[in-house]
Amino acid sequence: MKKGLTKEQMAEIKVLQEMPDEEIDYSDIPPVTDWSNAEVGRFYRPVKETVTIRLDADVLAWLKQGEKGYQTRLNKILRAVMEQQRKTAA
């Protein structure tokens, strides 16, 4: 049993999983047609991969300024550049 779920909840989930998509009532949920403002990583965390990277010392010092988490900041910067390039390519 999954942590925090009762047997009844697990049984309900199982019934819902086995339900064909055609039987699901989506009438109270508006369809999402614009995903441009979707937040990557809010509910889904992409798989991280360990890499070795060589950075200029001044760039690394700049990234390490302020709070902890320079690797997360670097990832956000690179993701922003990647997404901008994807937009211009599309």
PDB file of N, CA and C in Angstrom:
ATOM      1  N   MET A   1       0.850  -1.180   0.000  1.00  0.00           N
ATOM      2  CA  MET A   1       0.000   0.000   0.000  1.00  0.00           C
ATOM      3  C   MET A   1       0.890   1.236   0.000  1.00  0.00           C
ATOM      4  N   LYS A   2       0.495   2.237  -0.794  1.00  0.00           N
ATOM      5  CA  LYS A   2       1.256   3.468  -0.842  1.00  0.00           C
ATOM      6  C   LYS A   2       1.094   4.226   0.455  1.00  0.00           C
ATOM      7  N   LYS A   3       2.146   4.927   0.824  1.00  0.00           N
ATOM      8  CA  LYS A   3       2.163   5.645   2.088  1.00  0.00           C
ATOM      9  C   LYS A   3       1.046   6.693   2.129  1.00  0.00           C
ATOM     10  N   GLY A   4       0.266   6.666   3.208  1.00  0.00           N
ATOM     11  CA  GLY A   4      -0.754   7.682   3.407  1.00  0.00           C
ATOM     12  C   GLY A   4      -2.106   7.373   2.791  1.00  0.00           C
ATOM     13  N   LEU A   5      -2.242   6.307   2.016  1.00  0.00           N
ATOM     14  CA  LEU A   5      -3.519   5.973   1.394  1.00  0.00           C
ATOM     15  C   LEU A   5      -4.167   4.798   2.120  1.00  0.00           C
ATOM     16  N   THR A   6      -5.482   4.895   2.279  1.00  0.00           N
ATOM     17  CA  THR A   6      -6.214   3.811   2.914  1.00  0.00           C
ATOM     18  C   THR A   6      -6.487   2.711   1.892  1.00  0.00           C
ATOM     19  N   LYS A   7      -6.946   1.578   2.358  1.00  0.00           N
ATOM     20  CA  LYS A   7      -7.308   0.483   1.453  1.00  0.00           C
ATOM     21  C   LYS A   7      -8.433   0.911   0.522  1.00  0.00           C
ATOM     22  N   GLU A   8      -9.376   1.690   1.049  1.00  0.00           N
ATOM     23  CA  GLU A   8     -10.490   2.167   0.237  1.00  0.00           C
ATOM     24  C   GLU A   8     -10.001   3.098  -0.873  1.00  0.00           C
ATOM     25  N   GLN A   9      -9.083   3.978  -0.546  1.00  0.00           N
ATOM     26  CA  GLN A   9      -8.531   4.889  -1.545  1.00  0.00           C
ATOM     27  C   GLN A   9      -7.766   4.118  -2.618  1.00  0.00           C
ATOM     28  N   MET A  10      -7.004   3.124  -2.196  1.00  0.00           N
ATOM     29  CA  MET A  10      -6.264   2.305  -3.159  1.00  0.00           C
ATOM     30  C   MET A  10      -7.226   1.559  -4.080  1.00  0.00           C
ATOM     31  N   ALA A  11      -8.333   1.063  -3.518  1.00  0.00           N
ATOM     32  CA  ALA A  11      -9.330   0.361  -4.335  1.00  0.00           C
ATOM     33  C   ALA A  11      -9.952   1.315  -5.340  1.00  0.00           C
ATOM     34  N   GLU A  12     -10.236   2.548  -4.928  1.00  0.00           N
ATOM     35  CA  GLU A  12     -10.820   3.533  -5.835  1.00  0.00           C
ATOM     36  C   GLU A  12      -9.844   3.887  -6.946  1.00  0.00           C
ATOM     37  N   ILE A  13      -8.588   4.035  -6.606  1.00  0.00           N
ATOM     38  CA  ILE A  13      -7.564   4.326  -7.614  1.00  0.00           C
ATOM     39  C   ILE A  13      -7.476   3.191  -8.624  1.00  0.00           C
ATOM     40  N   LYS A  14      -7.533   1.967  -8.148  1.00  0.00           N
ATOM     41  CA  LYS A  14      -7.461   0.812  -9.052  1.00  0.00           C
ATOM     42  C   LYS A  14      -8.631   0.816 -10.032  1.00  0.00           C
ATOM     43  N   VAL A  15      -9.839   1.102  -9.536  1.00  0.00           N
ATOM     44  CA  VAL A  15     -11.021   1.166 -10.405  1.00  0.00           C
ATOM     45  C   VAL A  15     -10.835   2.261 -11.450  1.00  0.00           C
ATOM     46  N   LEU A  16     -10.339   3.415 -11.024  1.00  0.00           N
ATOM     47  CA  LEU A  16     -10.139   4.528 -11.955  1.00  0.00           C
ATOM     48  C   LEU A  16      -9.064   4.207 -12.998  1.00  0.00           C
ATOM     49  N   GLN A  17      -8.007   3.516 -12.591  1.00  0.00           N
ATOM     50  CA  GLN A  17      -6.945   3.146 -13.530  1.00  0.00           C
ATOM     51  C   GLN A  17      -7.456   2.210 -14.611  1.00  0.00           C
ATOM     52  N   GLU A  18      -8.398   1.358 -14.260  1.00  0.00           N
ATOM     53  CA  GLU A  18      -8.920   0.381 -15.208  1.00  0.00           C
ATOM     54  C   GLU A  18     -10.028   0.951 -16.094  1.00  0.00           C
ATOM     55  N   MET A  19     -10.498   2.161 -15.779  1.00  0.00           N
ATOM     56  CA  MET A  19     -11.576   2.786 -16.541  1.00  0.00           C
ATOM     57  C   MET A  19     -11.063   3.229 -17.916  1.00  0.00           C
ATOM     58  N   PRO A  20     -11.780   2.906 -18.990  1.00  0.00           N
ATOM     59  CA  PRO A  20     -11.371   3.375 -20.320  1.00  0.00           C
ATOM     60  C   PRO A  20     -11.458   4.902 -20.400  1.00  0.00           C
ATOM     61  N   ASP A  21     -10.573   5.516 -21.170  1.00  0.00           N
ATOM     62  CA  ASP A  21     -10.552   6.969 -21.304  1.00  0.00           C
ATOM     63  C   ASP A  21     -11.895   7.526 -21.772  1.00  0.00           C
ATOM     64  N   GLU A  22     -12.603   6.778 -22.618  1.00  0.00           N
ATOM     65  CA  GLU A  22     -13.871   7.254 -23.163  1.00  0.00           C
ATOM     66  C   GLU A  22     -14.929   7.445 -22.077  1.00  0.00           C
ATOM     67  N   GLU A  23     -14.774   6.770 -20.956  1.00  0.00           N
ATOM     68  CA  GLU A  23     -15.761   6.856 -19.881  1.00  0.00           C
ATOM     69  C   GLU A  23     -15.464   7.984 -18.881  1.00  0.00           C
ATOM     70  N   ILE A  24     -14.335   8.647 -19.029  1.00  0.00           N
ATOM     71  CA  ILE A  24     -13.974   9.711 -18.099  1.00  0.00           C
ATOM     72  C   ILE A  24     -14.690  10.997 -18.502  1.00  0.00           C
ATOM     73  N   ASP A  25     -15.355  11.634 -17.535  1.00  0.00           N
ATOM     74  CA  ASP A  25     -16.098  12.866 -17.769  1.00  0.00           C
ATOM     75  C   ASP A  25     -15.182  14.064 -17.528  1.00  0.00           C
ATOM     76  N   TYR A  26     -14.816  14.746 -18.605  1.00  0.00           N
ATOM     77  CA  TYR A  26     -13.957  15.918 -18.523  1.00  0.00           C
ATOM     78  C   TYR A  26     -14.753  17.216 -18.655  1.00  0.00           C
ATOM     79  N   SER A  27     -16.074  17.152 -18.606  1.00  0.00           N
ATOM     80  CA  SER A  27     -16.909  18.317 -18.893  1.00  0.00           C
ATOM     81  C   SER A  27     -16.683  19.484 -17.932  1.00  0.00           C
ATOM     82  N   ASP A  28     -16.213  19.227 -16.729  1.00  0.00           N
ATOM     83  CA  ASP A  28     -15.993  20.317 -15.773  1.00  0.00           C
ATOM     84  C   ASP A  28     -14.559  20.844 -15.798  1.00  0.00           C
ATOM     85  N   ILE A  29     -13.733  20.344 -16.740  1.00  0.00           N
ATOM     86  CA  ILE A  29     -12.335  20.770 -16.845  1.00  0.00           C
ATOM     87  C   ILE A  29     -12.132  21.417 -18.215  1.00  0.00           C
ATOM     88  N   PRO A  30     -11.776  22.707 -18.255  1.00  0.00           N
ATOM     89  CA  PRO A  30     -11.550  23.339 -19.561  1.00  0.00           C
ATOM     90  C   PRO A  30     -10.308  22.760 -20.225  1.00  0.00           C
ATOM     91  N   PRO A  31     -10.354  22.579 -21.542  1.00  0.00           N
ATOM     92  CA  PRO A  31      -9.170  22.044 -22.230  1.00  0.00           C
ATOM     93  C   PRO A  31      -8.024  23.057 -22.222  1.00  0.00           C
ATOM     94  N   VAL A  32      -6.814  22.561 -22.053  1.00  0.00           N
ATOM     95  CA  VAL A  32      -5.633  23.428 -22.082  1.00  0.00           C
ATOM     96  C   VAL A  32      -5.138  23.466 -23.523  1.00  0.00           C
ATOM     97  N   THR A  33      -5.142  24.674 -24.098  1.00  0.00           N
ATOM     98  CA  THR A  33      -4.680  24.820 -25.477  1.00  0.00           C
ATOM     99  C   THR A  33      -3.377  25.607 -25.572  1.00  0.00           C
ATOM    100  N   ASP A  34      -3.031  26.314 -24.498  1.00  0.00           N
ATOM    101  CA  ASP A  34      -1.807  27.122 -24.491  1.00  0.00           C
ATOM    102  C   ASP A  34      -0.915  26.681 -23.339  1.00  0.00           C
ATOM    103  N   TRP A  35       0.206  26.076 -23.659  1.00  0.00           N
ATOM    104  CA  TRP A  35       1.142  25.593 -22.643  1.00  0.00           C
ATOM    105  C   TRP A  35       2.347  26.522 -22.495  1.00  0.00           C
ATOM    106  N   SER A  36       2.301  27.710 -23.115  1.00  0.00           N
ATOM    107  CA  SER A  36       3.471  28.590 -23.121  1.00  0.00           C
ATOM    108  C   SER A  36       3.880  29.075 -21.732  1.00  0.00           C
ATOM    109  N   ASN A  37       2.942  29.135 -20.787  1.00  0.00           N
ATOM    110  CA  ASN A  37       3.283  29.586 -19.438  1.00  0.00           C
ATOM    111  C   ASN A  37       3.444  28.439 -18.454  1.00  0.00           C
ATOM    112  N   ALA A  38       3.542  27.224 -18.960  1.00  0.00           N
ATOM    113  CA  ALA A  38       3.707  26.070 -18.077  1.00  0.00           C
ATOM    114  C   ALA A  38       5.054  26.154 -17.369  1.00  0.00           C
ATOM    115  N   GLU A  39       5.088  25.747 -16.119  1.00  0.00           N
ATOM    116  CA  GLU A  39       6.314  25.767 -15.333  1.00  0.00           C
ATOM    117  C   GLU A  39       6.970  24.400 -15.368  1.00  0.00           C
ATOM    118  N   VAL A  40       8.134  24.326 -15.981  1.00  0.00           N
ATOM    119  CA  VAL A  40       8.874  23.078 -16.001  1.00  0.00           C
ATOM    120  C   VAL A  40       9.469  22.862 -14.628  1.00  0.00           C
ATOM    121  N   GLY A  41       9.284  21.679 -14.092  1.00  0.00           N
ATOM    122  CA  GLY A  41       9.885  21.336 -12.826  1.00  0.00           C
ATOM    123  C   GLY A  41       9.037  21.600 -11.601  1.00  0.00           C
ATOM    124  N   ARG A  42       7.853  22.192 -11.776  1.00  0.00           N
ATOM    125  CA  ARG A  42       7.038  22.454 -10.587  1.00  0.00           C
ATOM    126  C   ARG A  42       6.485  21.152 -10.017  1.00  0.00           C
ATOM    127  N   PHE A  43       5.976  20.290 -10.878  1.00  0.00           N
ATOM    128  CA  PHE A  43       5.447  19.012 -10.420  1.00  0.00           C
ATOM    129  C   PHE A  43       6.291  17.846 -10.925  1.00  0.00           C
ATOM    130  N   TYR A  44       7.019  18.084 -11.978  1.00  0.00           N
ATOM    131  CA  TYR A  44       7.876  17.054 -12.558  1.00  0.00           C
ATOM    132  C   TYR A  44       9.315  17.513 -12.450  1.00  0.00           C
ATOM    133  N   ARG A  45      10.144  16.684 -11.949  1.00  0.00           N
ATOM    134  CA  ARG A  45      11.563  17.003 -11.844  1.00  0.00           C
ATOM    135  C   ARG A  45      12.321  16.204 -12.899  1.00  0.00           C
ATOM    136  N   PRO A  46      12.901  16.897 -13.880  1.00  0.00           N
ATOM    137  CA  PRO A  46      13.681  16.168 -14.880  1.00  0.00           C
ATOM    138  C   PRO A  46      14.819  15.387 -14.231  1.00  0.00           C
ATOM    139  N   VAL A  47      15.208  14.313 -14.852  1.00  0.00           N
ATOM    140  CA  VAL A  47      16.301  13.487 -14.343  1.00  0.00           C
ATOM    141  C   VAL A  47      17.588  14.299 -14.402  1.00  0.00           C
ATOM    142  N   LYS A  48      18.314  14.291 -13.313  1.00  0.00           N
ATOM    143  CA  LYS A  48      19.602  14.986 -13.262  1.00  0.00           C
ATOM    144  C   LYS A  48      20.708  14.007 -13.642  1.00  0.00           C
ATOM    145  N   GLU A  49      21.717  14.539 -14.277  1.00  0.00           N
ATOM    146  CA  GLU A  49      22.859  13.723 -14.671  1.00  0.00           C
ATOM    147  C   GLU A  49      24.124  14.386 -14.152  1.00  0.00           C
ATOM    148  N   THR A  50      24.989  13.620 -13.558  1.00  0.00           N
ATOM    149  CA  THR A  50      26.248  14.146 -13.050  1.00  0.00           C
ATOM    150  C   THR A  50      27.216  14.339 -14.205  1.00  0.00           C
ATOM    151  N   VAL A  51      27.777  15.544 -14.292  1.00  0.00           N
ATOM    152  CA  VAL A  51      28.745  15.854 -15.344  1.00  0.00           C
ATOM    153  C   VAL A  51      29.913  16.617 -14.739  1.00  0.00           C
ATOM    154  N   THR A  52      31.006  16.632 -15.469  1.00  0.00           N
ATOM    155  CA  THR A  52      32.141  17.464 -15.109  1.00  0.00           C
ATOM    156  C   THR A  52      32.197  18.580 -16.136  1.00  0.00           C
ATOM    157  N   ILE A  53      32.327  19.813 -15.646  1.00  0.00           N
ATOM    158  CA  ILE A  53      32.329  20.966 -16.545  1.00  0.00           C
ATOM    159  C   ILE A  53      33.442  21.913 -16.121  1.00  0.00           C
ATOM    160  N   ARG A  54      34.100  22.502 -17.092  1.00  0.00           N
ATOM    161  CA  ARG A  54      35.160  23.461 -16.800  1.00  0.00           C
ATOM    162  C   ARG A  54      34.622  24.850 -17.104  1.00  0.00           C
ATOM    163  N   LEU A  55      34.640  25.715 -16.078  1.00  0.00           N
ATOM    164  CA  LEU A  55      34.150  27.079 -16.214  1.00  0.00           C
ATOM    165  C   LEU A  55      35.272  28.054 -15.927  1.00  0.00           C
ATOM    166  N   ASP A  56      35.190  29.231 -16.524  1.00  0.00           N
ATOM    167  CA  ASP A  56      36.136  30.280 -16.183  1.00  0.00           C
ATOM    168  C   ASP A  56      35.955  30.624 -14.713  1.00  0.00           C
ATOM    169  N   ALA A  57      37.070  30.912 -14.039  1.00  0.00           N
ATOM    170  CA  ALA A  57      37.039  31.165 -12.597  1.00  0.00           C
ATOM    171  C   ALA A  57      36.112  32.324 -12.239  1.00  0.00           C
ATOM    172  N   ASP A  58      36.093  33.379 -13.054  1.00  0.00           N
ATOM    173  CA  ASP A  58      35.238  34.526 -12.744  1.00  0.00           C
ATOM    174  C   ASP A  58      33.760  34.188 -12.925  1.00  0.00           C
ATOM    175  N   VAL A  59      33.452  33.319 -13.888  1.00  0.00           N
ATOM    176  CA  VAL A  59      32.070  32.889 -14.087  1.00  0.00           C
ATOM    177  C   VAL A  59      31.613  32.065 -12.887  1.00  0.00           C
ATOM    178  N   LEU A  60      32.454  31.155 -12.436  1.00  0.00           N
ATOM    179  CA  LEU A  60      32.116  30.332 -11.278  1.00  0.00           C
ATOM    180  C   LEU A  60      31.963  31.198 -10.030  1.00  0.00           C
ATOM    181  N   ALA A  61      32.832  32.176  -9.847  1.00  0.00           N
ATOM    182  CA  ALA A  61      32.734  33.078  -8.695  1.00  0.00           C
ATOM    183  C   ALA A  61      31.412  33.843  -8.745  1.00  0.00           C
ATOM    184  N   TRP A  62      31.010  34.285  -9.924  1.00  0.00           N
ATOM    185  CA  TRP A  62      29.744  35.003 -10.083  1.00  0.00           C
ATOM    186  C   TRP A  62      28.562  34.099  -9.725  1.00  0.00           C
ATOM    187  N   LEU A  63      28.611  32.849 -10.193  1.00  0.00           N
ATOM    188  CA  LEU A  63      27.530  31.911  -9.889  1.00  0.00           C
ATOM    189  C   LEU A  63      27.438  31.629  -8.393  1.00  0.00           C
ATOM    190  N   LYS A  64      28.577  31.601  -7.717  1.00  0.00           N
ATOM    191  CA  LYS A  64      28.603  31.270  -6.293  1.00  0.00           C
ATOM    192  C   LYS A  64      28.285  32.457  -5.388  1.00  0.00           C
ATOM    193  N   GLN A  65      28.140  33.642  -5.957  1.00  0.00           N
ATOM    194  CA  GLN A  65      27.799  34.817  -5.145  1.00  0.00           C
ATOM    195  C   GLN A  65      26.436  34.623  -4.493  1.00  0.00           C
ATOM    196  N   GLY A  66      26.299  35.146  -3.297  1.00  0.00           N
ATOM    197  CA  GLY A  66      24.994  35.116  -2.642  1.00  0.00           C
ATOM    198  C   GLY A  66      24.698  33.780  -1.994  1.00  0.00           C
ATOM    199  N   GLU A  67      23.496  33.309  -2.235  1.00  0.00           N
ATOM    200  CA  GLU A  67      23.011  32.100  -1.579  1.00  0.00           C
ATOM    201  C   GLU A  67      23.669  30.848  -2.122  1.00  0.00           C
ATOM    202  N   LYS A  68      23.409  29.738  -1.389  1.00  0.00           N
ATOM    203  CA  LYS A  68      23.874  28.440  -1.869  1.00  0.00           C
ATOM    204  C   LYS A  68      23.075  28.082  -3.121  1.00  0.00           C
ATOM    205  N   GLY A  69      23.548  27.093  -3.854  1.00  0.00           N
ATOM    206  CA  GLY A  69      22.791  26.589  -4.991  1.00  0.00           C
ATOM    207  C   GLY A  69      23.282  27.071  -6.340  1.00  0.00           C
ATOM    208  N   TYR A  70      24.589  27.249  -6.489  1.00  0.00           N
ATOM    209  CA  TYR A  70      25.092  27.748  -7.770  1.00  0.00           C
ATOM    210  C   TYR A  70      24.814  26.779  -8.912  1.00  0.00           C
ATOM    211  N   GLN A  71      24.790  25.476  -8.631  1.00  0.00           N
ATOM    212  CA  GLN A  71      24.509  24.508  -9.698  1.00  0.00           C
ATOM    213  C   GLN A  71      23.062  24.636 -10.170  1.00  0.00           C
ATOM    214  N   THR A  72      22.150  24.871  -9.238  1.00  0.00           N
ATOM    215  CA  THR A  72      20.748  25.079  -9.598  1.00  0.00           C
ATOM    216  C   THR A  72      20.608  26.359 -10.407  1.00  0.00           C
ATOM    217  N   ARG A  73      21.325  27.424 -10.003  1.00  0.00           N
ATOM    218  CA  ARG A  73      21.282  28.676 -10.769  1.00  0.00           C
ATOM    219  C   ARG A  73      21.814  28.469 -12.181  1.00  0.00           C
ATOM    220  N   LEU A  74      22.914  27.752 -12.302  1.00  0.00           N
ATOM    221  CA  LEU A  74      23.488  27.473 -13.617  1.00  0.00           C
ATOM    222  C   LEU A  74      22.491  26.696 -14.476  1.00  0.00           C
ATOM    223  N   ASN A  75      21.824  25.715 -13.879  1.00  0.00           N
ATOM    224  CA  ASN A  75      20.839  24.924 -14.613  1.00  0.00           C
ATOM    225  C   ASN A  75      19.685  25.809 -15.094  1.00  0.00           C
ATOM    226  N   LYS A  76      19.213  26.734 -14.231  1.00  0.00           N
ATOM    227  CA  LYS A  76      18.121  27.636 -14.617  1.00  0.00           C
ATOM    228  C   LYS A  76      18.532  28.551 -15.761  1.00  0.00           C
ATOM    229  N   ILE A  77      19.767  29.050 -15.702  1.00  0.00           N
ATOM    230  CA  ILE A  77      20.274  29.917 -16.774  1.00  0.00           C
ATOM    231  C   ILE A  77      20.324  29.153 -18.089  1.00  0.00           C
ATOM    232  N   LEU A  78      20.881  27.946 -18.044  1.00  0.00           N
ATOM    233  CA  LEU A  78      20.985  27.140 -19.260  1.00  0.00           C
ATOM    234  C   LEU A  78      19.609  26.749 -19.794  1.00  0.00           C
ATOM    235  N   ARG A  79      18.674  26.428 -18.889  1.00  0.00           N
ATOM    236  CA  ARG A  79      17.316  26.080 -19.319  1.00  0.00           C
ATOM    237  C   ARG A  79      16.649  27.266 -19.997  1.00  0.00           C
ATOM    238  N   ALA A  80      16.825  28.479 -19.455  1.00  0.00           N
ATOM    239  CA  ALA A  80      16.227  29.676 -20.056  1.00  0.00           C
ATOM    240  C   ALA A  80      16.762  29.902 -21.465  1.00  0.00           C
ATOM    241  N   VAL A  81      18.068  29.735 -21.645  1.00  0.00           N
ATOM    242  CA  VAL A  81      18.674  29.883 -22.976  1.00  0.00           C
ATOM    243  C   VAL A  81      18.132  28.805 -23.916  1.00  0.00           C
ATOM    244  N   MET A  82      18.055  27.563 -23.438  1.00  0.00           N
ATOM    245  CA  MET A  82      17.549  26.452 -24.245  1.00  0.00           C
ATOM    246  C   MET A  82      16.117  26.727 -24.690  1.00  0.00           C
ATOM    247  N   GLU A  83      15.262  27.161 -23.756  1.00  0.00           N
ATOM    248  CA  GLU A  83      13.864  27.415 -24.100  1.00  0.00           C
ATOM    249  C   GLU A  83      13.732  28.576 -25.070  1.00  0.00           C
ATOM    250  N   GLN A  84      14.550  29.608 -24.909  1.00  0.00           N
ATOM    251  CA  GLN A  84      14.525  30.741 -25.845  1.00  0.00           C
ATOM    252  C   GLN A  84      14.925  30.296 -27.236  1.00  0.00           C
ATOM    253  N   GLN A  85      15.945  29.468 -27.343  1.00  0.00           N
ATOM    254  CA  GLN A  85      16.358  28.967 -28.653  1.00  0.00           C
ATOM    255  C   GLN A  85      15.282  28.071 -29.273  1.00  0.00           C
ATOM    256  N   ARG A  86      14.596  27.285 -28.459  1.00  0.00           N
ATOM    257  CA  ARG A  86      13.512  26.449 -28.975  1.00  0.00           C
ATOM    258  C   ARG A  86      12.379  27.303 -29.527  1.00  0.00           C
ATOM    259  N   LYS A  87      12.075  28.414 -28.832  1.00  0.00           N
ATOM    260  CA  LYS A  87      11.011  29.314 -29.298  1.00  0.00           C
ATOM    261  C   LYS A  87      11.376  29.953 -30.637  1.00  0.00           C
ATOM    262  N   THR A  88      12.625  30.397 -30.762  1.00  0.00           N
ATOM    263  CA  THR A  88      13.027  31.052 -32.004  1.00  0.00           C
ATOM    264  C   THR A  88      13.144  30.051 -33.148  1.00  0.00           C
ATOM    265  N   ALA A  89      13.441  28.805 -32.828  1.00  0.00           N
ATOM    266  CA  ALA A  89      13.554  27.774 -33.867  1.00  0.00           C
ATOM    267  C   ALA A  89      12.189  27.320 -34.364  1.00  0.00           C
ATOM    268  N   ALA A  90      11.172  27.459 -33.523  1.00  0.00           N
ATOM    269  CA  ALA A  90       9.821  26.976 -33.885  1.00  0.00           C
ATOM    270  C   ALA A  90       9.085  27.926 -34.790  1.00  0.00           C
TER     271      ALA A  90
END
